[in-house]
Amino acid sequence: MDQQLLFTLLLSFCSLGCYVILLRGLQIVLRTSVLDKQKQRTVFSRTAVLLAVWLLLIAGLSLAGFFSSGSPLPPRVAFPMLISLIVVLWVAFSPTGTLLLRELPPHWLIYFQSFRIVVEIIIWLTVLYKIFPVQLSFEGRNVDVLVGLLAFPVGYYSFIKKAWPSIVVLLYNIFGLLSLINVVAVTVLSLPTPIRLFHNQPDSSMMSHFPFIFIPSFLAPLAISVHILSIRQWVLARQPRAVRLT
């Protein structure tokens, strides 16, 4: 199979799979919330449309060469990550977001991080096809697959069996965020720029091309967002339920 087609299919299915799971989870939580039916429909439809537009926009900009042109520093692929961070912080601290986080089963957010196993397998395949450098995979300096592998044990033993103390969840989320920061740093230091630290070939510049752009512009921000939401939920669980919608 053609390399371009293979990775287009893999990353498209992975991204769309996350999209569907997110919307299904949101739908379930909305139905059990105290929000009225109209508010539920509004939240769901806006989320579905905005995520779909985001994916299409990222794909279109990538195919047009937006992310691979211009100055290499700062890399343009950083813009989607910054935008995602701003949006998720707004959602996490908004009245509606706070209410939904209180209703959301906490193990769902942890379990969701298992999607990173699939992402890491795809990255490993890119190394085999000599598209990405080895340091971006679990054979190199990327330990992100551990976050995915630990997702079900942490979620199950912390929330279902309640055998592990709640601090484990916080530590897991911190570890997951540090792992992502490490991957971002290694990716930047593998780019053909004056600050390049890893000089082996290939470099990491293909990360800004379609379909690989889905990794830094959707899948990585998604993982960061879920960690932030889980930490916010962890904090909310230790606060009195005094949220009022305006």
Protein backbone atom coordinates (compact mmCIF):
# COMPACT_ATOMS: atom_id res chain seq x y z
CA MET A 1 0.00 0.00 0.00
CA ASP A 2 1.15 3.53 -0.76
CA GLN A 3 2.70 5.23 2.30
CA GLN A 4 0.63 8.38 1.94
CA LEU A 5 -2.60 6.40 1.72
CA LEU A 6 -1.63 4.13 4.62
CA PHE A 7 -0.95 6.95 7.06
CA THR A 8 -3.87 9.02 5.81
CA LEU A 9 -6.17 6.11 6.65
CA LEU A 10 -4.51 5.38 10.00
CA LEU A 11 -4.49 8.96 11.26
CA SER A 12 -7.94 9.72 9.85
CA PHE A 13 -9.48 6.69 11.55
CA CYS A 14 -7.68 7.49 14.81
CA SER A 15 -8.81 11.13 14.76
CA LEU A 16 -12.38 10.29 13.74
CA GLY A 17 -12.51 7.53 16.34
CA CYS A 18 -11.56 10.01 19.06
CA TYR A 19 -14.12 12.45 17.67
CA VAL A 20 -16.92 9.89 17.86
CA ILE A 21 -15.97 8.69 21.35
CA LEU A 22 -15.81 12.26 22.63
CA LEU A 23 -19.24 13.10 21.27
CA ARG A 24 -20.78 9.88 22.55
CA GLY A 25 -19.39 10.51 26.03
CA LEU A 26 -20.63 14.10 25.96
CA GLN A 27 -24.08 12.93 24.86
CA ILE A 28 -24.35 10.49 27.78
CA VAL A 29 -23.21 13.06 30.34
CA LEU A 30 -25.57 15.71 28.99
CA ARG A 31 -28.54 13.35 29.31
CA THR A 32 -27.79 12.76 32.99
CA SER A 33 -27.13 16.43 33.77
CA VAL A 34 -29.57 19.01 35.13
CA LEU A 35 -29.35 21.06 31.94
CA ASP A 36 -32.62 21.51 30.08
CA LYS A 37 -33.11 19.76 26.73
CA GLN A 38 -32.50 22.89 24.68
CA LYS A 39 -29.21 23.59 26.47
CA GLN A 40 -28.17 19.96 25.99
CA ARG A 41 -28.80 20.15 22.25
CA THR A 42 -26.95 23.45 21.99
CA VAL A 43 -23.86 22.19 23.82
CA PHE A 44 -23.76 18.96 21.84
CA SER A 45 -24.31 20.50 18.41
CA ARG A 46 -21.80 23.28 18.96
CA THR A 47 -19.17 20.83 20.16
CA ALA A 48 -19.76 18.48 17.22
CA VAL A 49 -19.63 21.28 14.65
CA LEU A 50 -16.60 23.05 16.13
CA LEU A 51 -14.56 19.83 16.33
CA ALA A 52 -15.50 18.88 12.77
CA VAL A 53 -14.62 22.35 11.47
CA TRP A 54 -11.34 22.21 13.38
CA LEU A 55 -10.35 18.90 11.78
CA LEU A 56 -11.29 20.10 8.30
CA LEU A 57 -9.50 23.42 8.82
CA ILE A 58 -6.32 21.70 9.97
CA ALA A 59 -6.42 19.34 6.99
CA GLY A 60 -7.05 22.18 4.55
CA LEU A 61 -4.31 24.43 5.93
CA SER A 62 -1.87 21.54 5.92
CA LEU A 63 -2.63 20.60 2.31
CA ALA A 64 -2.21 24.28 1.38
CA GLY A 65 1.26 24.26 2.94
CA PHE A 66 0.48 26.69 5.76
CA PHE A 67 2.19 24.72 8.52
CA SER A 68 5.29 23.84 6.49
CA SER A 69 5.99 27.35 5.17
CA GLY A 70 7.30 30.47 6.85
CA SER A 71 9.93 30.72 9.56
CA PRO A 72 10.80 27.39 11.23
CA LEU A 73 10.89 29.12 14.62
CA PRO A 74 8.42 29.25 16.14
CA PRO A 75 6.92 26.34 14.18
CA ARG A 76 3.41 27.07 12.96
CA VAL A 77 2.19 23.72 14.26
CA ALA A 78 2.43 25.29 17.72
CA PHE A 79 -0.52 27.57 16.97
CA PRO A 80 -3.20 24.83 17.09
CA MET A 81 -1.80 23.59 20.39
CA LEU A 82 -1.97 27.07 21.94
CA ILE A 83 -5.50 27.63 20.66
CA SER A 84 -6.59 24.24 22.04
CA LEU A 85 -5.05 25.04 25.43
CA ILE A 86 -6.93 28.35 25.65
CA VAL A 87 -10.22 26.72 24.67
CA VAL A 88 -9.95 23.81 27.11
CA LEU A 89 -9.05 26.11 30.01
CA TRP A 90 -12.11 28.21 29.21
CA VAL A 91 -14.30 25.10 29.06
CA ALA A 92 -12.87 23.63 32.27
CA PHE A 93 -13.60 26.75 34.30
CA SER A 94 -16.88 27.77 32.68
CA PRO A 95 -20.11 27.16 34.65
CA THR A 96 -21.39 24.58 32.16
CA GLY A 97 -18.01 22.86 31.90
CA THR A 98 -17.72 22.71 35.67
CA LEU A 99 -21.18 21.21 35.99
CA LEU A 100 -20.50 18.56 33.36
CA LEU A 101 -17.14 17.67 34.91
CA ARG A 102 -18.93 17.03 38.20
CA GLU A 103 -21.33 14.67 36.41
CA LEU A 104 -18.73 12.90 34.26
CA PRO A 105 -17.55 9.52 35.61
CA PRO A 106 -13.88 10.28 36.44
CA HIS A 107 -12.53 7.02 35.08
CA TRP A 108 -13.79 7.92 31.60
CA LEU A 109 -11.20 10.67 31.21
CA ILE A 110 -8.44 8.33 32.35
CA TYR A 111 -9.57 5.45 30.13
CA PHE A 112 -9.71 7.80 27.15
CA GLN A 113 -5.95 8.31 27.33
CA SER A 114 -5.49 4.74 26.09
CA PHE A 115 -5.89 6.13 22.56
CA ARG A 116 -2.26 7.13 22.86
CA ILE A 117 -1.27 3.48 22.40
CA VAL A 118 -2.67 3.67 18.87
CA VAL A 119 -0.93 6.99 18.22
CA GLU A 120 2.41 5.61 19.39
CA ILE A 121 2.04 2.54 17.16
CA ILE A 122 1.42 4.86 14.21
CA ILE A 123 4.49 6.93 15.10
CA TRP A 124 6.53 3.74 15.38
CA LEU A 125 5.38 2.78 11.88
CA THR A 126 6.52 6.17 10.58
CA VAL A 127 9.96 5.38 11.93
CA LEU A 128 9.98 2.04 10.15
CA TYR A 129 9.03 3.85 6.93
CA LYS A 130 11.78 6.44 7.61
CA ILE A 131 9.32 9.32 7.81
CA PHE A 132 10.04 10.35 11.42
CA PRO A 133 13.33 10.04 13.35
CA VAL A 134 13.63 7.21 15.85
CA GLN A 135 13.74 9.55 18.87
CA LEU A 136 10.06 10.41 18.32
CA SER A 137 9.02 6.79 18.94
CA PHE A 138 9.04 4.51 21.97
CA GLU A 139 12.28 3.05 20.61
CA GLY A 140 13.87 6.43 21.20
CA ARG A 141 13.00 9.21 23.66
CA ASN A 142 9.20 9.00 23.62
CA VAL A 143 7.69 7.35 26.70
CA ASP A 144 4.14 8.41 25.88
CA VAL A 145 3.05 4.84 25.21
CA LEU A 146 3.37 4.23 28.97
CA VAL A 147 0.66 6.82 29.57
CA GLY A 148 -1.65 4.89 27.27
CA LEU A 149 -0.79 1.53 28.82
CA LEU A 150 -1.34 2.84 32.36
CA ALA A 151 -4.72 4.40 31.54
CA PHE A 152 -6.92 1.40 32.29
CA PRO A 153 -5.06 0.25 35.45
CA VAL A 154 -5.11 3.78 36.90
CA GLY A 155 -8.76 4.37 36.04
CA TYR A 156 -9.91 0.95 37.20
CA TYR A 157 -8.00 0.67 40.47
CA SER A 158 -8.49 4.32 41.42
CA PHE A 159 -12.21 4.71 40.68
CA ILE A 160 -13.82 1.29 40.17
CA LYS A 161 -12.02 -0.88 42.74
CA LYS A 162 -10.95 2.17 44.80
CA ALA A 163 -7.81 0.27 45.74
CA TRP A 164 -5.42 3.11 44.90
CA PRO A 165 -5.37 6.51 46.61
CA SER A 166 -6.71 9.47 44.67
CA ILE A 167 -3.27 11.06 44.51
CA VAL A 168 -2.38 8.40 41.92
CA VAL A 169 -4.77 10.05 39.47
CA LEU A 170 -3.13 13.44 39.94
CA LEU A 171 0.35 11.97 39.56
CA TYR A 172 -0.75 10.09 36.45
CA ASN A 173 -2.04 13.28 34.84
CA ILE A 174 1.13 15.17 35.71
CA PHE A 175 3.22 12.35 34.26
CA GLY A 176 1.10 12.42 31.10
CA LEU A 177 1.57 16.17 30.67
CA LEU A 178 5.33 15.91 31.26
CA SER A 179 5.50 13.11 28.71
CA LEU A 180 3.79 15.31 26.12
CA ILE A 181 6.11 18.23 26.90
CA ASN A 182 9.03 15.87 26.35
CA VAL A 183 7.67 14.75 22.96
CA VAL A 184 7.13 18.35 21.87
CA ALA A 185 10.66 19.28 22.93
CA VAL A 186 12.22 16.33 21.10
CA THR A 187 10.19 17.15 17.98
CA VAL A 188 11.33 20.79 17.99
CA LEU A 189 14.94 19.78 18.63
CA SER A 190 14.75 17.41 15.66
CA LEU A 191 13.71 20.14 13.21
CA PRO A 192 16.28 21.54 10.73
CA THR A 193 16.81 24.77 12.67
CA PRO A 194 19.77 26.46 14.41
CA ILE A 195 18.71 24.93 17.74
CA ARG A 196 18.61 21.38 16.36
CA LEU A 197 20.02 18.89 18.84
CA PHE A 198 19.26 15.57 17.12
CA HIS A 199 21.06 15.47 13.78
CA ASN A 200 20.12 11.97 12.67
CA GLN A 201 17.97 11.58 9.57
CA PRO A 202 15.17 11.99 8.81
CA ASP A 203 14.32 15.17 10.70
CA SER A 204 10.87 15.83 12.17
CA SER A 205 9.69 18.34 9.55
CA MET A 206 7.13 15.90 8.13
CA MET A 207 5.10 16.51 11.29
CA SER A 208 3.81 19.70 9.64
CA HIS A 209 2.59 17.87 6.51
CA PHE A 210 -0.71 16.09 5.84
CA PRO A 211 -1.76 13.64 7.27
CA PHE A 212 0.84 13.77 10.07
CA ILE A 213 -0.36 17.24 11.03
CA PHE A 214 -3.24 15.55 12.88
CA ILE A 215 -0.74 14.43 15.56
CA PRO A 216 0.42 17.87 16.80
CA SER A 217 -2.75 19.77 15.87
CA PHE A 218 -5.48 17.42 17.14
CA LEU A 219 -4.32 14.24 18.88
CA ALA A 220 -1.64 15.81 21.10
CA PRO A 221 -3.84 18.79 22.08
CA LEU A 222 -6.63 16.31 22.78
CA ALA A 223 -4.41 14.38 25.18
CA ILE A 224 -3.35 17.61 26.89
CA SER A 225 -6.96 18.76 27.14
CA VAL A 226 -8.15 15.52 28.72
CA HIS A 227 -5.35 15.72 31.31
CA ILE A 228 -6.34 19.29 32.17
CA LEU A 229 -10.01 18.32 32.46
CA SER A 230 -9.11 15.35 34.66
CA ILE A 231 -7.01 17.54 36.97
CA ARG A 232 -9.82 20.09 37.12
CA GLN A 233 -12.25 17.28 37.96
CA TRP A 234 -9.87 16.00 40.65
CA VAL A 235 -9.84 19.46 42.25
CA LEU A 236 -13.62 19.83 41.97
CA ALA A 237 -14.12 16.52 43.79
CA ARG A 238 -12.53 18.16 46.82
CA GLN A 239 -14.73 21.24 46.71
CA PRO A 240 -18.38 21.71 47.75
CA ARG A 241 -20.95 21.48 44.98
CA ALA A 242 -21.90 25.13 44.67
CA VAL A 243 -22.06 25.71 40.92
CA ARG A 244 -24.82 27.86 39.50
CA LEU A 245 -25.46 28.40 35.82
CA THR A 246 -26.06 31.91 34.59
